[in-house]
N, C-alpha and C. Protein backbone atom coordinates (compact mmCIF):
# COMPACT_ATOMS: atom_id res chain seq x y z
N UNK A 1 -42.15 18.32 -15.35
CA UNK A 1 -41.12 19.20 -14.84
C UNK A 1 -40.00 18.40 -14.18
N UNK A 2 -40.30 17.29 -13.58
CA UNK A 2 -39.26 16.46 -12.98
C UNK A 2 -38.28 15.95 -14.03
N UNK A 3 -38.80 15.67 -15.22
CA UNK A 3 -37.92 15.20 -16.28
C UNK A 3 -36.89 16.25 -16.65
N UNK A 4 -37.30 17.50 -16.67
CA UNK A 4 -36.37 18.57 -17.01
C UNK A 4 -35.28 18.67 -15.96
N UNK A 5 -35.67 18.52 -14.69
CA UNK A 5 -34.68 18.58 -13.61
C UNK A 5 -33.74 17.39 -13.72
N UNK A 6 -34.29 16.20 -13.98
CA UNK A 6 -33.45 15.01 -14.12
C UNK A 6 -32.49 15.17 -15.28
N UNK A 7 -32.99 15.67 -16.39
CA UNK A 7 -32.12 15.87 -17.56
C UNK A 7 -31.04 16.89 -17.25
N UNK A 8 -31.40 17.94 -16.53
CA UNK A 8 -30.41 18.94 -16.16
C UNK A 8 -29.35 18.31 -15.26
N UNK A 9 -29.77 17.48 -14.31
CA UNK A 9 -28.81 16.81 -13.43
C UNK A 9 -27.94 15.84 -14.20
N UNK A 10 -28.52 15.11 -15.15
CA UNK A 10 -27.73 14.19 -15.96
C UNK A 10 -26.69 14.95 -16.79
N UNK A 11 -27.11 16.10 -17.33
CA UNK A 11 -26.16 16.91 -18.09
C UNK A 11 -25.03 17.40 -17.20
N UNK A 12 -25.38 17.80 -15.95
CA UNK A 12 -24.34 18.25 -15.02
C UNK A 12 -23.39 17.11 -14.70
N UNK A 13 -23.93 15.91 -14.46
CA UNK A 13 -23.08 14.76 -14.18
C UNK A 13 -22.19 14.43 -15.37
N UNK A 14 -22.78 14.49 -16.56
CA UNK A 14 -22.02 14.24 -17.79
C UNK A 14 -20.92 15.27 -17.94
N UNK A 15 -21.25 16.56 -17.69
CA UNK A 15 -20.25 17.62 -17.80
C UNK A 15 -19.14 17.44 -16.78
N UNK A 16 -19.51 17.07 -15.54
CA UNK A 16 -18.50 16.83 -14.51
C UNK A 16 -17.59 15.68 -14.90
N UNK A 17 -18.19 14.60 -15.40
CA UNK A 17 -17.40 13.45 -15.83
C UNK A 17 -16.47 13.85 -16.97
N UNK A 18 -17.01 14.59 -17.94
CA UNK A 18 -16.20 15.02 -19.08
C UNK A 18 -15.05 15.90 -18.63
N UNK A 19 -15.32 16.81 -17.72
CA UNK A 19 -14.26 17.70 -17.23
C UNK A 19 -13.20 16.91 -16.46
N UNK A 20 -13.63 15.97 -15.61
CA UNK A 20 -12.69 15.14 -14.86
C UNK A 20 -11.83 14.30 -15.80
N UNK A 21 -12.46 13.72 -16.81
CA UNK A 21 -11.73 12.91 -17.78
C UNK A 21 -10.73 13.77 -18.55
N UNK A 22 -11.15 14.95 -18.96
CA UNK A 22 -10.27 15.86 -19.69
C UNK A 22 -9.05 16.22 -18.84
N UNK A 23 -9.28 16.55 -17.56
CA UNK A 23 -8.17 16.90 -16.66
C UNK A 23 -7.22 15.72 -16.49
N UNK A 24 -7.78 14.52 -16.35
CA UNK A 24 -6.94 13.33 -16.19
C UNK A 24 -6.10 13.09 -17.44
N UNK A 25 -6.71 13.19 -18.61
CA UNK A 25 -5.98 12.96 -19.86
C UNK A 25 -4.91 14.03 -20.09
N UNK A 26 -5.19 15.26 -19.66
CA UNK A 26 -4.21 16.32 -19.82
C UNK A 26 -2.97 16.05 -18.97
N UNK A 27 -3.15 15.41 -17.81
CA UNK A 27 -2.02 15.09 -16.94
C UNK A 27 -1.20 13.93 -17.49
N UNK A 28 -1.87 12.99 -18.17
CA UNK A 28 -1.19 11.80 -18.67
C UNK A 28 -0.15 12.21 -19.70
N UNK A 29 1.01 11.62 -19.60
CA UNK A 29 2.13 11.92 -20.50
C UNK A 29 2.54 13.38 -20.47
N UNK A 30 2.36 13.99 -19.31
CA UNK A 30 2.74 15.38 -19.13
C UNK A 30 3.85 15.43 -18.09
N UNK A 31 4.75 16.36 -18.26
CA UNK A 31 5.81 16.56 -17.28
C UNK A 31 5.50 17.79 -16.43
N UNK A 32 5.92 17.71 -15.19
CA UNK A 32 5.73 18.79 -14.24
C UNK A 32 7.07 19.12 -13.60
N UNK A 33 7.33 20.38 -13.37
CA UNK A 33 8.53 20.82 -12.67
C UNK A 33 8.12 21.31 -11.28
N UNK A 34 8.82 20.81 -10.25
CA UNK A 34 8.52 21.27 -8.90
C UNK A 34 9.13 22.65 -8.72
N UNK A 35 8.27 23.64 -8.56
CA UNK A 35 8.71 25.02 -8.38
C UNK A 35 9.11 25.27 -6.92
N UNK A 36 8.26 24.80 -6.00
CA UNK A 36 8.52 25.01 -4.57
C UNK A 36 7.59 24.14 -3.75
N UNK A 37 7.85 24.09 -2.47
CA UNK A 37 6.99 23.36 -1.55
C UNK A 37 6.31 24.37 -0.63
N UNK A 38 5.02 24.19 -0.43
CA UNK A 38 4.24 25.03 0.48
C UNK A 38 3.37 24.11 1.32
N UNK A 39 3.62 24.14 2.63
CA UNK A 39 2.90 23.29 3.57
C UNK A 39 2.96 21.84 3.11
N UNK A 40 1.83 21.22 2.83
CA UNK A 40 1.79 19.80 2.45
C UNK A 40 1.66 19.59 0.94
N UNK A 41 2.04 20.62 0.16
CA UNK A 41 1.90 20.55 -1.29
C UNK A 41 3.20 20.91 -1.99
N UNK A 42 3.37 20.33 -3.16
CA UNK A 42 4.42 20.76 -4.08
C UNK A 42 3.72 21.60 -5.14
N UNK A 43 4.19 22.82 -5.32
CA UNK A 43 3.64 23.69 -6.36
C UNK A 43 4.41 23.36 -7.64
N UNK A 44 3.70 22.81 -8.61
CA UNK A 44 4.35 22.29 -9.82
C UNK A 44 3.82 22.99 -11.06
N UNK A 45 4.73 23.20 -12.01
CA UNK A 45 4.35 23.79 -13.29
C UNK A 45 4.17 22.69 -14.32
N UNK A 46 3.03 22.71 -14.99
CA UNK A 46 2.79 21.82 -16.11
C UNK A 46 3.64 22.33 -17.26
N UNK A 47 4.60 21.53 -17.71
CA UNK A 47 5.55 22.00 -18.72
C UNK A 47 4.95 22.13 -20.10
N UNK A 48 3.76 21.57 -20.33
CA UNK A 48 3.08 21.74 -21.62
C UNK A 48 2.28 23.04 -21.64
N UNK A 49 1.58 23.32 -20.54
CA UNK A 49 0.63 24.44 -20.53
C UNK A 49 1.12 25.65 -19.76
N UNK A 50 2.10 25.45 -18.88
CA UNK A 50 2.57 26.55 -18.04
C UNK A 50 1.69 26.80 -16.83
N UNK A 51 0.63 26.02 -16.69
CA UNK A 51 -0.27 26.17 -15.54
C UNK A 51 0.37 25.56 -14.31
N UNK A 52 0.00 26.10 -13.15
CA UNK A 52 0.51 25.57 -11.89
C UNK A 52 -0.52 24.69 -11.22
N UNK A 53 -0.02 23.68 -10.54
CA UNK A 53 -0.85 22.66 -9.91
C UNK A 53 -0.27 22.37 -8.54
N UNK A 54 -1.11 22.29 -7.51
CA UNK A 54 -0.67 21.89 -6.19
C UNK A 54 -0.85 20.39 -6.06
N UNK A 55 0.25 19.68 -5.87
CA UNK A 55 0.21 18.22 -5.74
C UNK A 55 0.53 17.87 -4.29
N UNK A 56 -0.34 17.10 -3.63
CA UNK A 56 -0.05 16.69 -2.26
C UNK A 56 1.28 15.95 -2.18
N UNK A 57 2.09 16.30 -1.21
CA UNK A 57 3.43 15.73 -1.07
C UNK A 57 3.39 14.21 -0.96
N UNK A 58 2.35 13.67 -0.33
CA UNK A 58 2.29 12.22 -0.15
C UNK A 58 2.12 11.47 -1.47
N UNK A 59 1.79 12.17 -2.55
CA UNK A 59 1.66 11.53 -3.86
C UNK A 59 2.98 11.52 -4.65
N UNK A 60 4.00 12.17 -4.10
CA UNK A 60 5.28 12.30 -4.81
C UNK A 60 6.28 11.25 -4.34
N UNK A 61 7.24 10.89 -5.21
CA UNK A 61 8.33 10.02 -4.78
C UNK A 61 9.14 10.71 -3.67
N UNK A 62 9.77 9.92 -2.82
CA UNK A 62 10.49 10.46 -1.66
C UNK A 62 11.64 11.38 -2.01
N UNK A 63 12.34 11.13 -3.08
CA UNK A 63 13.57 11.87 -3.38
C UNK A 63 13.36 13.12 -4.23
N UNK A 64 12.15 13.66 -4.26
CA UNK A 64 11.87 14.87 -5.03
C UNK A 64 12.34 16.11 -4.29
N UNK A 65 12.74 17.11 -5.07
CA UNK A 65 13.12 18.40 -4.50
C UNK A 65 12.76 19.48 -5.51
N UNK A 66 12.96 20.74 -5.12
CA UNK A 66 12.69 21.83 -6.05
C UNK A 66 13.53 21.64 -7.31
N UNK A 67 12.90 21.81 -8.45
CA UNK A 67 13.59 21.63 -9.73
C UNK A 67 13.45 20.23 -10.31
N UNK A 68 12.95 19.29 -9.50
CA UNK A 68 12.74 17.93 -10.01
C UNK A 68 11.66 17.94 -11.09
N UNK A 69 11.84 17.07 -12.08
CA UNK A 69 10.85 16.91 -13.14
C UNK A 69 10.10 15.60 -12.88
N UNK A 70 8.77 15.70 -12.90
CA UNK A 70 7.91 14.55 -12.65
C UNK A 70 7.13 14.21 -13.91
N UNK A 71 6.82 12.93 -14.07
CA UNK A 71 5.90 12.46 -15.11
C UNK A 71 4.70 11.86 -14.40
N UNK A 72 3.54 11.98 -15.01
CA UNK A 72 2.34 11.34 -14.48
C UNK A 72 2.05 10.13 -15.34
N UNK A 73 2.27 8.94 -14.78
CA UNK A 73 2.06 7.69 -15.51
C UNK A 73 1.36 6.69 -14.61
N UNK A 74 0.44 5.94 -15.20
CA UNK A 74 -0.28 4.90 -14.46
C UNK A 74 -0.84 5.41 -13.14
N UNK A 75 -1.41 6.60 -13.20
CA UNK A 75 -2.07 7.24 -12.05
C UNK A 75 -1.13 7.56 -10.90
N UNK A 76 0.16 7.76 -11.18
CA UNK A 76 1.06 8.20 -10.13
C UNK A 76 2.16 9.08 -10.72
N UNK A 77 2.78 9.85 -9.84
CA UNK A 77 3.86 10.74 -10.24
C UNK A 77 5.19 10.01 -10.09
N UNK A 78 6.02 10.12 -11.12
CA UNK A 78 7.31 9.42 -11.16
C UNK A 78 8.39 10.47 -11.40
N UNK A 79 9.48 10.36 -10.65
CA UNK A 79 10.61 11.26 -10.84
C UNK A 79 11.31 10.90 -12.15
N UNK A 80 11.44 11.88 -13.04
CA UNK A 80 12.14 11.69 -14.31
C UNK A 80 13.56 12.19 -14.11
N UNK A 81 14.44 11.28 -13.67
CA UNK A 81 15.81 11.67 -13.34
C UNK A 81 16.57 12.18 -14.55
N UNK A 82 16.36 11.56 -15.70
CA UNK A 82 17.06 11.98 -16.92
C UNK A 82 16.68 13.40 -17.31
N UNK A 83 15.39 13.67 -17.32
CA UNK A 83 14.92 15.01 -17.70
C UNK A 83 15.32 16.05 -16.65
N UNK A 84 15.34 15.64 -15.38
CA UNK A 84 15.76 16.55 -14.31
C UNK A 84 17.22 16.96 -14.52
N UNK A 85 18.09 15.98 -14.79
CA UNK A 85 19.51 16.27 -15.02
C UNK A 85 19.71 17.14 -16.26
N UNK A 86 18.98 16.83 -17.32
CA UNK A 86 19.10 17.61 -18.56
C UNK A 86 18.66 19.06 -18.33
N UNK A 87 17.59 19.24 -17.59
CA UNK A 87 17.09 20.59 -17.30
C UNK A 87 18.09 21.36 -16.44
N UNK A 88 18.66 20.68 -15.45
CA UNK A 88 19.66 21.33 -14.59
C UNK A 88 20.88 21.76 -15.41
N UNK A 89 21.33 20.91 -16.34
CA UNK A 89 22.48 21.25 -17.20
C UNK A 89 22.14 22.44 -18.10
N UNK A 90 20.92 22.44 -18.62
CA UNK A 90 20.50 23.55 -19.49
C UNK A 90 20.49 24.86 -18.72
N UNK A 91 19.97 24.84 -17.50
CA UNK A 91 19.93 26.05 -16.67
C UNK A 91 21.34 26.51 -16.33
N UNK A 92 22.19 25.55 -15.97
CA UNK A 92 23.58 25.87 -15.64
C UNK A 92 24.27 26.51 -16.84
N UNK A 93 24.04 25.99 -18.03
CA UNK A 93 24.64 26.54 -19.24
C UNK A 93 24.13 27.96 -19.50
N UNK A 94 22.84 28.18 -19.32
CA UNK A 94 22.28 29.52 -19.52
C UNK A 94 22.88 30.52 -18.54
N UNK A 95 23.02 30.11 -17.28
CA UNK A 95 23.61 31.00 -16.27
C UNK A 95 25.07 31.30 -16.60
N UNK A 96 25.81 30.26 -16.99
CA UNK A 96 27.22 30.46 -17.36
C UNK A 96 27.35 31.40 -18.55
N UNK A 97 26.50 31.25 -19.55
CA UNK A 97 26.55 32.12 -20.73
C UNK A 97 26.14 33.55 -20.38
N UNK A 98 25.25 33.68 -19.44
CA UNK A 98 24.80 35.01 -19.03
C UNK A 98 25.92 35.81 -18.39
N UNK A 99 26.77 35.12 -17.62
CA UNK A 99 27.83 35.81 -16.89
C UNK A 99 29.20 35.77 -17.57
N UNK A 100 29.26 35.19 -18.77
CA UNK A 100 30.53 35.18 -19.51
C UNK A 100 30.90 36.59 -19.90
N UNK A 101 32.19 36.91 -19.77
CA UNK A 101 32.65 38.22 -20.20
C UNK A 101 32.93 38.19 -21.69
N UNK A 102 32.52 39.23 -22.36
CA UNK A 102 32.79 39.33 -23.79
C UNK A 102 34.20 39.86 -23.97
N UNK A 103 34.91 39.29 -24.94
CA UNK A 103 36.29 39.72 -25.20
C UNK A 103 36.34 40.75 -26.28
């Protein structure tokens, strides 16, 4: 009976490791948009999946703000200034087109 318990524990450890690895790989080469800040966290949207993630502020670059786009590379979050600017321009264009008067 001990063997069954040990095997069950090994399977749980294997499952936990697999889940942790899967989560880590999903973050790698993924972009996140900072939606807002709440207490000591940045609430970020995974731009691939649409899921939201709370990232501790101390893990973020200093110059991040709402709307900033982050990449997860080499186990850290990096501000993607190019993608942030492109996204801001796209949003600005959409807003301008929304309020344009039709002739």
